[in-house]
Amino acid sequence: FIPGFRGQPPGWYYGLKENKMAVVVAVFLVVPTLVQNMTQSGAFEIVMDDGIVLFSKLATGRMPNGNDIIEALAKVGMTMATAEQ
């Protein structure tokens, strides 16, 4: 009995039931690998709330350094606080 199905289970259910080891391998090895590869783009983006991209690793091909971040923030009007502020 499968909740949500009325009558006989679909044909694929019996295939999964007969190949339990293949299902285990797929669920614990294949599926996570596919998900990781699909989500891993190597992107590193610094984006303001209004959609302004301050830095893009995809565009530059490298990670930002401290000066890159400071310059990008200065371009949108942000300034660094000093110890006196």
C-alpha atoms as a PDB file:
ATOM      1  CA  PHE A   1       0.000   0.000   0.000  1.00  0.00           C
ATOM      2  CA  ILE A   2       1.297   3.434  -0.984  1.00  0.00           C
ATOM      3  CA  PRO A   3      -0.453   6.490   0.507  1.00  0.00           C
ATOM      4  CA  GLY A   4      -2.007   8.668  -2.175  1.00  0.00           C
ATOM      5  CA  PHE A   5      -2.414   5.866  -4.738  1.00  0.00           C
ATOM      6  CA  ARG A   6      -5.730   4.186  -5.302  1.00  0.00           C
ATOM      7  CA  GLY A   7      -5.749   0.632  -6.505  1.00  0.00           C
ATOM      8  CA  GLN A   8      -2.534  -0.902  -7.797  1.00  0.00           C
ATOM      9  CA  PRO A   9       0.810   0.865  -7.355  1.00  0.00           C
ATOM     10  CA  PRO A  10       2.401   2.177 -10.557  1.00  0.00           C
ATOM     11  CA  GLY A  11       4.806  -0.066 -12.472  1.00  0.00           C
ATOM     12  CA  TRP A  12       7.914   1.841 -11.405  1.00  0.00           C
ATOM     13  CA  TYR A  13       7.148   1.018  -7.759  1.00  0.00           C
ATOM     14  CA  TYR A  14       7.699  -2.682  -8.388  1.00  0.00           C
ATOM     15  CA  GLY A  15      10.942  -1.944 -10.255  1.00  0.00           C
ATOM     16  CA  LEU A  16      12.252   0.020  -7.275  1.00  0.00           C
ATOM     17  CA  LYS A  17      11.112  -2.669  -4.867  1.00  0.00           C
ATOM     18  CA  GLU A  18      12.962  -5.378  -6.829  1.00  0.00           C
ATOM     19  CA  ASN A  19      16.197  -3.317  -7.113  1.00  0.00           C
ATOM     20  CA  LYS A  20      16.655  -2.078  -3.563  1.00  0.00           C
ATOM     21  CA  MET A  21      20.446  -1.841  -3.768  1.00  0.00           C
ATOM     22  CA  ALA A  22      20.278   0.286  -6.928  1.00  0.00           C
ATOM     23  CA  VAL A  23      17.828   2.609  -5.178  1.00  0.00           C
ATOM     24  CA  VAL A  24      20.149   2.947  -2.161  1.00  0.00           C
ATOM     25  CA  VAL A  25      23.126   3.726  -4.411  1.00  0.00           C
ATOM     26  CA  ALA A  26      21.121   6.289  -6.364  1.00  0.00           C
ATOM     27  CA  VAL A  27      19.726   8.014  -3.296  1.00  0.00           C
ATOM     28  CA  PHE A  28      22.961   8.199  -1.309  1.00  0.00           C
ATOM     29  CA  LEU A  29      25.613   8.547  -4.030  1.00  0.00           C
ATOM     30  CA  VAL A  30      24.247   9.624  -7.397  1.00  0.00           C
ATOM     31  CA  VAL A  31      21.611  12.171  -6.374  1.00  0.00           C
ATOM     32  CA  PRO A  32      23.859  14.200  -4.013  1.00  0.00           C
ATOM     33  CA  THR A  33      26.605  14.289  -6.651  1.00  0.00           C
ATOM     34  CA  LEU A  34      24.185  15.597  -9.267  1.00  0.00           C
ATOM     35  CA  VAL A  35      22.804  18.222  -6.899  1.00  0.00           C
ATOM     36  CA  GLN A  36      26.288  19.397  -5.901  1.00  0.00           C
ATOM     37  CA  ASN A  37      27.455  19.678  -9.504  1.00  0.00           C
ATOM     38  CA  MET A  38      24.353  21.593 -10.536  1.00  0.00           C
ATOM     39  CA  THR A  39      24.644  24.119  -7.702  1.00  0.00           C
ATOM     40  CA  GLN A  40      28.404  24.609  -7.730  1.00  0.00           C
ATOM     41  CA  SER A  41      29.190  27.385 -10.193  1.00  0.00           C
ATOM     42  CA  GLY A  42      32.203  28.922  -8.468  1.00  0.00           C
ATOM     43  CA  ALA A  43      30.362  32.221  -8.335  1.00  0.00           C
ATOM     44  CA  PHE A  44      31.086  34.844  -5.723  1.00  0.00           C
ATOM     45  CA  GLU A  45      28.926  37.920  -6.069  1.00  0.00           C
ATOM     46  CA  ILE A  46      28.591  41.019  -3.903  1.00  0.00           C
ATOM     47  CA  VAL A  47      25.225  42.566  -4.740  1.00  0.00           C
ATOM     48  CA  MET A  48      23.359  45.498  -3.164  1.00  0.00           C
ATOM     49  CA  ASP A  49      19.681  45.159  -2.220  1.00  0.00           C
ATOM     50  CA  ASP A  50      18.653  47.082  -5.339  1.00  0.00           C
ATOM     51  CA  GLY A  51      20.495  44.652  -7.635  1.00  0.00           C
ATOM     52  CA  ILE A  52      23.684  46.660  -8.190  1.00  0.00           C
ATOM     53  CA  VAL A  53      26.568  44.207  -8.595  1.00  0.00           C
ATOM     54  CA  LEU A  54      29.587  45.450  -6.648  1.00  0.00           C
ATOM     55  CA  PHE A  55      31.864  42.536  -7.486  1.00  0.00           C
ATOM     56  CA  SER A  56      31.529  39.431  -9.617  1.00  0.00           C
ATOM     57  CA  LYS A  57      34.012  36.571  -9.592  1.00  0.00           C
ATOM     58  CA  LEU A  58      32.359  35.268 -12.751  1.00  0.00           C
ATOM     59  CA  ALA A  59      33.071  38.578 -14.528  1.00  0.00           C
ATOM     60  CA  THR A  60      36.619  39.095 -13.222  1.00  0.00           C
ATOM     61  CA  GLY A  61      37.750  35.490 -12.872  1.00  0.00           C
ATOM     62  CA  ARG A  62      39.154  36.049  -9.386  1.00  0.00           C
ATOM     63  CA  MET A  63      38.119  36.552  -5.781  1.00  0.00           C
ATOM     64  CA  PRO A  64      38.010  40.135  -4.475  1.00  0.00           C
ATOM     65  CA  ASN A  65      40.697  41.458  -2.179  1.00  0.00           C
ATOM     66  CA  GLY A  66      40.126  44.079   0.505  1.00  0.00           C
ATOM     67  CA  ASN A  67      40.797  46.998  -1.844  1.00  0.00           C
ATOM     68  CA  ASP A  68      38.309  45.655  -4.407  1.00  0.00           C
ATOM     69  CA  ILE A  69      35.590  45.582  -1.779  1.00  0.00           C
ATOM     70  CA  ILE A  70      36.434  49.042  -0.391  1.00  0.00           C
ATOM     71  CA  GLU A  71      36.474  50.557  -3.901  1.00  0.00           C
ATOM     72  CA  ALA A  72      33.182  48.901  -4.838  1.00  0.00           C
ATOM     73  CA  LEU A  73      31.506  50.189  -1.676  1.00  0.00           C
ATOM     74  CA  ALA A  74      32.925  53.690  -2.250  1.00  0.00           C
ATOM     75  CA  LYS A  75      31.416  53.728  -5.757  1.00  0.00           C
ATOM     76  CA  VAL A  76      27.927  53.351  -4.262  1.00  0.00           C
ATOM     77  CA  GLY A  77      28.560  56.038  -1.640  1.00  0.00           C
ATOM     78  CA  MET A  78      29.589  54.027   1.377  1.00  0.00           C
ATOM     79  CA  THR A  79      32.566  55.133   3.437  1.00  0.00           C
ATOM     80  CA  MET A  80      34.648  53.441   6.083  1.00  0.00           C
ATOM     81  CA  ALA A  81      34.131  54.495   9.666  1.00  0.00           C
ATOM     82  CA  THR A  82      37.151  55.775  11.526  1.00  0.00           C
ATOM     83  CA  ALA A  83      37.928  55.206  15.194  1.00  0.00           C
ATOM     84  CA  GLU A  84      36.716  58.743  15.966  1.00  0.00           C
ATOM     85  CA  GLN A  85      33.222  58.110  14.582  1.00  0.00           C
END
